Amino acid sequence: MSPYYLGRLFKENTSRTPRSYLENIRVRKAVHLLKTTDLSIIDICYEVGFQSASSFYHAFQKQTQYTPQEYRKDFNYDL
């Protein structure tokens, strides 16, 4: 099976590209870590699998409408 065909089948079944699907999982994990740990944002970025801080910030803000700092400040009640 070619990567193109696999990607097409994936999108037909999930309504998302494999990249978008994985990015969503990574951001959800980052949200959890922001709420439950005191790890630095850069550490969280790499812990969830992003290759750069800029790609992490862009994906996080696109999905949550907040920067990671804003999210931690506004939604972190546990720490």
PDB file of N, CA and C in Angstrom:
ATOM      1  N   MET A   1       0.854  -1.169   0.000  1.00  0.00           N
ATOM      2  CA  MET A   1       0.000   0.000   0.000  1.00  0.00           C
ATOM      3  C   MET A   1       0.901   1.233   0.000  1.00  0.00           C
ATOM      4  N   SER A   2       0.601   2.158  -0.855  1.00  0.00           N
ATOM      5  CA  SER A   2       1.409   3.367  -0.947  1.00  0.00           C
ATOM      6  C   SER A   2       1.024   4.351   0.162  1.00  0.00           C
ATOM      7  N   PRO A   3       1.962   5.220   0.549  1.00  0.00           N
ATOM      8  CA  PRO A   3       1.636   6.233   1.560  1.00  0.00           C
ATOM      9  C   PRO A   3       0.472   7.130   1.123  1.00  0.00           C
ATOM     10  N   TYR A   4       0.411   7.455  -0.147  1.00  0.00           N
ATOM     11  CA  TYR A   4      -0.671   8.296  -0.653  1.00  0.00           C
ATOM     12  C   TYR A   4      -2.022   7.598  -0.465  1.00  0.00           C
ATOM     13  N   TYR A   5      -2.088   6.350  -0.849  1.00  0.00           N
ATOM     14  CA  TYR A   5      -3.342   5.608  -0.742  1.00  0.00           C
ATOM     15  C   TYR A   5      -3.744   5.432   0.722  1.00  0.00           C
ATOM     16  N   LEU A   6      -2.785   5.117   1.571  1.00  0.00           N
ATOM     17  CA  LEU A   6      -3.072   4.990   2.995  1.00  0.00           C
ATOM     18  C   LEU A   6      -3.622   6.302   3.553  1.00  0.00           C
ATOM     19  N   GLY A   7      -3.006   7.412   3.186  1.00  0.00           N
ATOM     20  CA  GLY A   7      -3.483   8.717   3.645  1.00  0.00           C
ATOM     21  C   GLY A   7      -4.896   9.004   3.164  1.00  0.00           C
ATOM     22  N   ARG A   8      -5.180   8.622   1.934  1.00  0.00           N
ATOM     23  CA  ARG A   8      -6.519   8.828   1.385  1.00  0.00           C
ATOM     24  C   ARG A   8      -7.566   7.991   2.130  1.00  0.00           C
ATOM     25  N   LEU A   9      -7.237   6.737   2.400  1.00  0.00           N
ATOM     26  CA  LEU A   9      -8.151   5.881   3.153  1.00  0.00           C
ATOM     27  C   LEU A   9      -8.357   6.397   4.575  1.00  0.00           C
ATOM     28  N   PHE A  10      -7.269   6.836   5.184  1.00  0.00           N
ATOM     29  CA  PHE A  10      -7.351   7.373   6.535  1.00  0.00           C
ATOM     30  C   PHE A  10      -8.297   8.565   6.581  1.00  0.00           C
ATOM     31  N   LYS A  11      -8.138   9.475   5.631  1.00  0.00           N
ATOM     32  CA  LYS A  11      -8.981  10.670   5.607  1.00  0.00           C
ATOM     33  C   LYS A  11     -10.442  10.312   5.329  1.00  0.00           C
ATOM     34  N   GLU A  12     -10.689   9.348   4.484  1.00  0.00           N
ATOM     35  CA  GLU A  12     -12.062   8.927   4.203  1.00  0.00           C
ATOM     36  C   GLU A  12     -12.740   8.383   5.458  1.00  0.00           C
ATOM     37  N   ASN A  13     -11.970   7.719   6.311  1.00  0.00           N
ATOM     38  CA  ASN A  13     -12.547   7.090   7.503  1.00  0.00           C
ATOM     39  C   ASN A  13     -12.553   7.971   8.739  1.00  0.00           C
ATOM     40  N   THR A  14     -11.706   8.969   8.799  1.00  0.00           N
ATOM     41  CA  THR A  14     -11.621   9.803   9.999  1.00  0.00           C
ATOM     42  C   THR A  14     -11.939  11.272   9.748  1.00  0.00           C
ATOM     43  N   SER A  15     -12.058  11.654   8.493  1.00  0.00           N
ATOM     44  CA  SER A  15     -12.272  13.055   8.084  1.00  0.00           C
ATOM     45  C   SER A  15     -11.083  13.945   8.430  1.00  0.00           C
ATOM     46  N   ARG A  16      -9.937  13.328   8.665  1.00  0.00           N
ATOM     47  CA  ARG A  16      -8.710  14.062   8.981  1.00  0.00           C
ATOM     48  C   ARG A  16      -7.537  13.409   8.266  1.00  0.00           C
ATOM     49  N   THR A  17      -6.518  14.210   8.016  1.00  0.00           N
ATOM     50  CA  THR A  17      -5.289  13.638   7.488  1.00  0.00           C
ATOM     51  C   THR A  17      -4.551  12.966   8.638  1.00  0.00           C
ATOM     52  N   PRO A  18      -3.663  12.025   8.356  1.00  0.00           N
ATOM     53  CA  PRO A  18      -2.887  11.423   9.442  1.00  0.00           C
ATOM     54  C   PRO A  18      -2.111  12.470  10.250  1.00  0.00           C
ATOM     55  N   ARG A  19      -1.566  13.469   9.559  1.00  0.00           N
ATOM     56  CA  ARG A  19      -0.821  14.518  10.258  1.00  0.00           C
ATOM     57  C   ARG A  19      -1.720  15.305  11.207  1.00  0.00           C
ATOM     58  N   SER A  20      -2.902  15.685  10.742  1.00  0.00           N
ATOM     59  CA  SER A  20      -3.845  16.427  11.568  1.00  0.00           C
ATOM     60  C   SER A  20      -4.302  15.596  12.772  1.00  0.00           C
ATOM     61  N   TYR A  21      -4.539  14.329  12.541  1.00  0.00           N
ATOM     62  CA  TYR A  21      -4.965  13.424  13.608  1.00  0.00           C
ATOM     63  C   TYR A  21      -3.891  13.324  14.695  1.00  0.00           C
ATOM     64  N   LEU A  22      -2.654  13.128  14.282  1.00  0.00           N
ATOM     65  CA  LEU A  22      -1.549  13.027  15.228  1.00  0.00           C
ATOM     66  C   LEU A  22      -1.324  14.347  15.964  1.00  0.00           C
ATOM     67  N   GLU A  23      -1.430  15.455  15.236  1.00  0.00           N
ATOM     68  CA  GLU A  23      -1.269  16.766  15.865  1.00  0.00           C
ATOM     69  C   GLU A  23      -2.313  16.983  16.954  1.00  0.00           C
ATOM     70  N   ASN A  24      -3.540  16.559  16.702  1.00  0.00           N
ATOM     71  CA  ASN A  24      -4.607  16.684  17.688  1.00  0.00           C
ATOM     72  C   ASN A  24      -4.299  15.872  18.943  1.00  0.00           C
ATOM     73  N   ILE A  25      -3.815  14.672  18.777  1.00  0.00           N
ATOM     74  CA  ILE A  25      -3.443  13.836  19.920  1.00  0.00           C
ATOM     75  C   ILE A  25      -2.336  14.508  20.718  1.00  0.00           C
ATOM     76  N   ARG A  26      -1.348  15.061  20.026  1.00  0.00           N
ATOM     77  CA  ARG A  26      -0.236  15.725  20.712  1.00  0.00           C
ATOM     78  C   ARG A  26      -0.707  16.945  21.495  1.00  0.00           C
ATOM     79  N   VAL A  27      -1.584  17.733  20.924  1.00  0.00           N
ATOM     80  CA  VAL A  27      -2.083  18.931  21.624  1.00  0.00           C
ATOM     81  C   VAL A  27      -2.925  18.525  22.828  1.00  0.00           C
ATOM     82  N   ARG A  28      -3.753  17.498  22.695  1.00  0.00           N
ATOM     83  CA  ARG A  28      -4.543  17.030  23.845  1.00  0.00           C
ATOM     84  C   ARG A  28      -3.629  16.564  24.972  1.00  0.00           C
ATOM     85  N   LYS A  29      -2.554  15.874  24.644  1.00  0.00           N
ATOM     86  CA  LYS A  29      -1.599  15.437  25.669  1.00  0.00           C
ATOM     87  C   LYS A  29      -0.917  16.659  26.302  1.00  0.00           C
ATOM     88  N   ALA A  30      -0.584  17.654  25.486  1.00  0.00           N
ATOM     89  CA  ALA A  30       0.030  18.881  26.015  1.00  0.00           C
ATOM     90  C   ALA A  30      -0.920  19.593  26.976  1.00  0.00           C
ATOM     91  N   VAL A  31      -2.193  19.657  26.636  1.00  0.00           N
ATOM     92  CA  VAL A  31      -3.190  20.266  27.526  1.00  0.00           C
ATOM     93  C   VAL A  31      -3.183  19.551  28.873  1.00  0.00           C
ATOM     94  N   HIS A  32      -3.177  18.236  28.834  1.00  0.00           N
ATOM     95  CA  HIS A  32      -3.149  17.458  30.075  1.00  0.00           C
ATOM     96  C   HIS A  32      -1.898  17.784  30.893  1.00  0.00           C
ATOM     97  N   LEU A  33      -0.747  17.822  30.238  1.00  0.00           N
ATOM     98  CA  LEU A  33       0.499  18.110  30.949  1.00  0.00           C
ATOM     99  C   LEU A  33       0.530  19.532  31.491  1.00  0.00           C
ATOM    100  N   LEU A  34      -0.035  20.474  30.747  1.00  0.00           N
ATOM    101  CA  LEU A  34      -0.091  21.855  31.244  1.00  0.00           C
ATOM    102  C   LEU A  34      -0.940  21.957  32.495  1.00  0.00           C
ATOM    103  N   LYS A  35      -1.992  21.171  32.556  1.00  0.00           N
ATOM    104  CA  LYS A  35      -2.892  21.199  33.712  1.00  0.00           C
ATOM    105  C   LYS A  35      -2.348  20.442  34.911  1.00  0.00           C
ATOM    106  N   THR A  36      -1.563  19.401  34.684  1.00  0.00           N
ATOM    107  CA  THR A  36      -1.225  18.491  35.775  1.00  0.00           C
ATOM    108  C   THR A  36       0.245  18.456  36.171  1.00  0.00           C
ATOM    109  N   THR A  37       1.092  19.176  35.456  1.00  0.00           N
ATOM    110  CA  THR A  37       2.513  19.165  35.809  1.00  0.00           C
ATOM    111  C   THR A  37       3.047  20.582  35.869  1.00  0.00           C
ATOM    112  N   ASP A  38       4.252  20.706  36.367  1.00  0.00           N
ATOM    113  CA  ASP A  38       4.921  22.002  36.320  1.00  0.00           C
ATOM    114  C   ASP A  38       6.093  21.969  35.341  1.00  0.00           C
ATOM    115  N   LEU A  39       6.048  21.039  34.386  1.00  0.00           N
ATOM    116  CA  LEU A  39       7.062  20.995  33.334  1.00  0.00           C
ATOM    117  C   LEU A  39       7.047  22.305  32.560  1.00  0.00           C
ATOM    118  N   SER A  40       8.208  22.716  32.068  1.00  0.00           N
ATOM    119  CA  SER A  40       8.241  23.923  31.247  1.00  0.00           C
ATOM    120  C   SER A  40       7.513  23.656  29.936  1.00  0.00           C
ATOM    121  N   ILE A  41       7.094  24.707  29.304  1.00  0.00           N
ATOM    122  CA  ILE A  41       6.370  24.567  28.043  1.00  0.00           C
ATOM    123  C   ILE A  41       7.257  23.954  26.973  1.00  0.00           C
ATOM    124  N   ILE A  42       8.512  24.298  26.959  1.00  0.00           N
ATOM    125  CA  ILE A  42       9.444  23.695  25.991  1.00  0.00           C
ATOM    126  C   ILE A  42       9.584  22.204  26.257  1.00  0.00           C
ATOM    127  N   ASP A  43       9.690  21.816  27.517  1.00  0.00           N
ATOM    128  CA  ASP A  43       9.765  20.384  27.840  1.00  0.00           C
ATOM    129  C   ASP A  43       8.507  19.652  27.385  1.00  0.00           C
ATOM    130  N   ILE A  44       7.354  20.266  27.580  1.00  0.00           N
ATOM    131  CA  ILE A  44       6.095  19.661  27.139  1.00  0.00           C
ATOM    132  C   ILE A  44       6.080  19.542  25.619  1.00  0.00           C
ATOM    133  N   CYS A  45       6.535  20.567  24.956  1.00  0.00           N
ATOM    134  CA  CYS A  45       6.594  20.568  23.499  1.00  0.00           C
ATOM    135  C   CYS A  45       7.308  19.319  22.987  1.00  0.00           C
ATOM    136  N   TYR A  46       8.478  19.051  23.513  1.00  0.00           N
ATOM    137  CA  TYR A  46       9.256  17.893  23.059  1.00  0.00           C
ATOM    138  C   TYR A  46       8.714  16.580  23.622  1.00  0.00           C
ATOM    139  N   GLU A  47       8.156  16.621  24.804  1.00  0.00           N
ATOM    140  CA  GLU A  47       7.585  15.419  25.422  1.00  0.00           C
ATOM    141  C   GLU A  47       6.436  14.848  24.591  1.00  0.00           C
ATOM    142  N   VAL A  48       5.630  15.723  24.007  1.00  0.00           N
ATOM    143  CA  VAL A  48       4.483  15.253  23.226  1.00  0.00           C
ATOM    144  C   VAL A  48       4.827  14.996  21.764  1.00  0.00           C
ATOM    145  N   GLY A  49       6.065  15.287  21.357  1.00  0.00           N
ATOM    146  CA  GLY A  49       6.509  14.886  20.025  1.00  0.00           C
ATOM    147  C   GLY A  49       6.653  15.959  18.977  1.00  0.00           C
ATOM    148  N   PHE A  50       6.525  17.224  19.353  1.00  0.00           N
ATOM    149  CA  PHE A  50       6.755  18.274  18.364  1.00  0.00           C
ATOM    150  C   PHE A  50       8.258  18.444  18.162  1.00  0.00           C
ATOM    151  N   GLN A  51       8.640  18.796  16.947  1.00  0.00           N
ATOM    152  CA  GLN A  51      10.052  18.944  16.608  1.00  0.00           C
ATOM    153  C   GLN A  51      10.582  20.349  16.880  1.00  0.00           C
ATOM    154  N   SER A  52       9.678  21.303  17.019  1.00  0.00           N
ATOM    155  CA  SER A  52      10.116  22.672  17.303  1.00  0.00           C
ATOM    156  C   SER A  52       9.062  23.388  18.134  1.00  0.00           C
ATOM    157  N   ALA A  53       9.521  24.382  18.863  1.00  0.00           N
ATOM    158  CA  ALA A  53       8.611  25.166  19.695  1.00  0.00           C
ATOM    159  C   ALA A  53       7.620  25.938  18.826  1.00  0.00           C
ATOM    160  N   SER A  54       8.070  26.441  17.694  1.00  0.00           N
ATOM    161  CA  SER A  54       7.165  27.227  16.849  1.00  0.00           C
ATOM    162  C   SER A  54       6.030  26.374  16.291  1.00  0.00           C
ATOM    163  N   SER A  55       6.322  25.143  15.893  1.00  0.00           N
ATOM    164  CA  SER A  55       5.237  24.285  15.394  1.00  0.00           C
ATOM    165  C   SER A  55       4.283  23.914  16.527  1.00  0.00           C
ATOM    166  N   PHE A  56       4.819  23.734  17.726  1.00  0.00           N
ATOM    167  CA  PHE A  56       3.980  23.448  18.887  1.00  0.00           C
ATOM    168  C   PHE A  56       3.042  24.626  19.185  1.00  0.00           C
ATOM    169  N   TYR A  57       3.597  25.831  19.261  1.00  0.00           N
ATOM    170  CA  TYR A  57       2.793  27.007  19.568  1.00  0.00           C
ATOM    171  C   TYR A  57       1.699  27.209  18.528  1.00  0.00           C
ATOM    172  N   HIS A  58       2.059  27.049  17.253  1.00  0.00           N
ATOM    173  CA  HIS A  58       1.089  27.248  16.183  1.00  0.00           C
ATOM    174  C   HIS A  58      -0.049  26.223  16.282  1.00  0.00           C
ATOM    175  N   ALA A  59       0.287  24.959  16.437  1.00  0.00           N
ATOM    176  CA  ALA A  59      -0.731  23.903  16.519  1.00  0.00           C
ATOM    177  C   ALA A  59      -1.583  24.080  17.770  1.00  0.00           C
ATOM    178  N   PHE A  60      -0.957  24.408  18.890  1.00  0.00           N
ATOM    179  CA  PHE A  60      -1.687  24.570  20.147  1.00  0.00           C
ATOM    180  C   PHE A  60      -2.682  25.715  20.035  1.00  0.00           C
ATOM    181  N   GLN A  61      -2.233  26.843  19.520  1.00  0.00           N
ATOM    182  CA  GLN A  61      -3.113  28.008  19.425  1.00  0.00           C
ATOM    183  C   GLN A  61      -4.220  27.773  18.399  1.00  0.00           C
ATOM    184  N   LYS A  62      -3.910  27.081  17.337  1.00  0.00           N
ATOM    185  CA  LYS A  62      -4.920  26.782  16.314  1.00  0.00           C
ATOM    186  C   LYS A  62      -6.054  25.929  16.892  1.00  0.00           C
ATOM    187  N   GLN A  63      -5.723  24.995  17.767  1.00  0.00           N
ATOM    188  CA  GLN A  63      -6.729  24.090  18.309  1.00  0.00           C
ATOM    189  C   GLN A  63      -7.432  24.621  19.557  1.00  0.00           C
ATOM    190  N   THR A  64      -6.745  25.409  20.369  1.00  0.00           N
ATOM    191  CA  THR A  64      -7.327  25.838  21.640  1.00  0.00           C
ATOM    192  C   THR A  64      -7.700  27.316  21.689  1.00  0.00           C
ATOM    193  N   GLN A  65      -7.219  28.092  20.746  1.00  0.00           N
ATOM    194  CA  GLN A  65      -7.403  29.543  20.721  1.00  0.00           C
ATOM    195  C   GLN A  65      -6.596  30.254  21.811  1.00  0.00           C
ATOM    196  N   TYR A  66      -5.699  29.531  22.458  1.00  0.00           N
ATOM    197  CA  TYR A  66      -4.823  30.090  23.501  1.00  0.00           C
ATOM    198  C   TYR A  66      -3.386  29.711  23.197  1.00  0.00           C
ATOM    199  N   THR A  67      -2.445  30.537  23.662  1.00  0.00           N
ATOM    200  CA  THR A  67      -1.059  30.103  23.658  1.00  0.00           C
ATOM    201  C   THR A  67      -0.896  29.129  24.827  1.00  0.00           C
ATOM    202  N   PRO A  68       0.138  28.328  24.824  1.00  0.00           N
ATOM    203  CA  PRO A  68       0.335  27.428  25.960  1.00  0.00           C
ATOM    204  C   PRO A  68       0.442  28.183  27.297  1.00  0.00           C
ATOM    205  N   GLN A  69       1.103  29.340  27.300  1.00  0.00           N
ATOM    206  CA  GLN A  69       1.220  30.126  28.532  1.00  0.00           C
ATOM    207  C   GLN A  69      -0.143  30.601  29.009  1.00  0.00           C
ATOM    208  N   GLU A  70      -0.950  31.110  28.089  1.00  0.00           N
ATOM    209  CA  GLU A  70      -2.282  31.576  28.457  1.00  0.00           C
ATOM    210  C   GLU A  70      -3.132  30.420  28.980  1.00  0.00           C
ATOM    211  N   TYR A  71      -3.013  29.277  28.329  1.00  0.00           N
ATOM    212  CA  TYR A  71      -3.802  28.126  28.745  1.00  0.00           C
ATOM    213  C   TYR A  71      -3.431  27.713  30.164  1.00  0.00           C
ATOM    214  N   ARG A  72      -2.144  27.614  30.425  1.00  0.00           N
ATOM    215  CA  ARG A  72      -1.697  27.218  31.767  1.00  0.00           C
ATOM    216  C   ARG A  72      -2.168  28.224  32.808  1.00  0.00           C
ATOM    217  N   LYS A  73      -2.060  29.493  32.506  1.00  0.00           N
ATOM    218  CA  LYS A  73      -2.460  30.543  33.446  1.00  0.00           C
ATOM    219  C   LYS A  73      -3.968  30.519  33.704  1.00  0.00           C
ATOM    220  N   ASP A  74      -4.760  30.377  32.648  1.00  0.00           N
ATOM    221  CA  ASP A  74      -6.216  30.484  32.768  1.00  0.00           C
ATOM    222  C   ASP A  74      -6.899  29.189  33.236  1.00  0.00           C
ATOM    223  N   PHE A  75      -6.295  28.035  32.976  1.00  0.00           N
ATOM    224  CA  PHE A  75      -6.987  26.778  33.231  1.00  0.00           C
ATOM    225  C   PHE A  75      -6.280  25.852  34.197  1.00  0.00           C
ATOM    226  N   ASN A  76      -5.245  26.299  34.832  1.00  0.00           N
ATOM    227  CA  ASN A  76      -4.481  25.439  35.714  1.00  0.00           C
ATOM    228  C   ASN A  76      -4.919  25.659  37.161  1.00  0.00           C
ATOM    229  N   TYR A  77      -5.770  24.809  37.624  1.00  0.00           N
ATOM    230  CA  TYR A  77      -6.284  24.928  38.996  1.00  0.00           C
ATOM    231  C   TYR A  77      -5.608  23.963  39.951  1.00  0.00           C
ATOM    232  N   ASP A  78      -4.889  22.952  39.412  1.00  0.00           N
ATOM    233  CA  ASP A  78      -4.327  21.912  40.247  1.00  0.00           C
ATOM    234  C   ASP A  78      -3.002  22.286  40.897  1.00  0.00           C
ATOM    235  N   LEU A  79      -2.225  23.148  40.244  1.00  0.00           N
ATOM    236  CA  LEU A  79      -0.879  23.392  40.758  1.00  0.00           C
ATOM    237  C   LEU A  79      -0.820  24.553  41.715  1.00  0.00           C
TER     238      LEU A  79
END
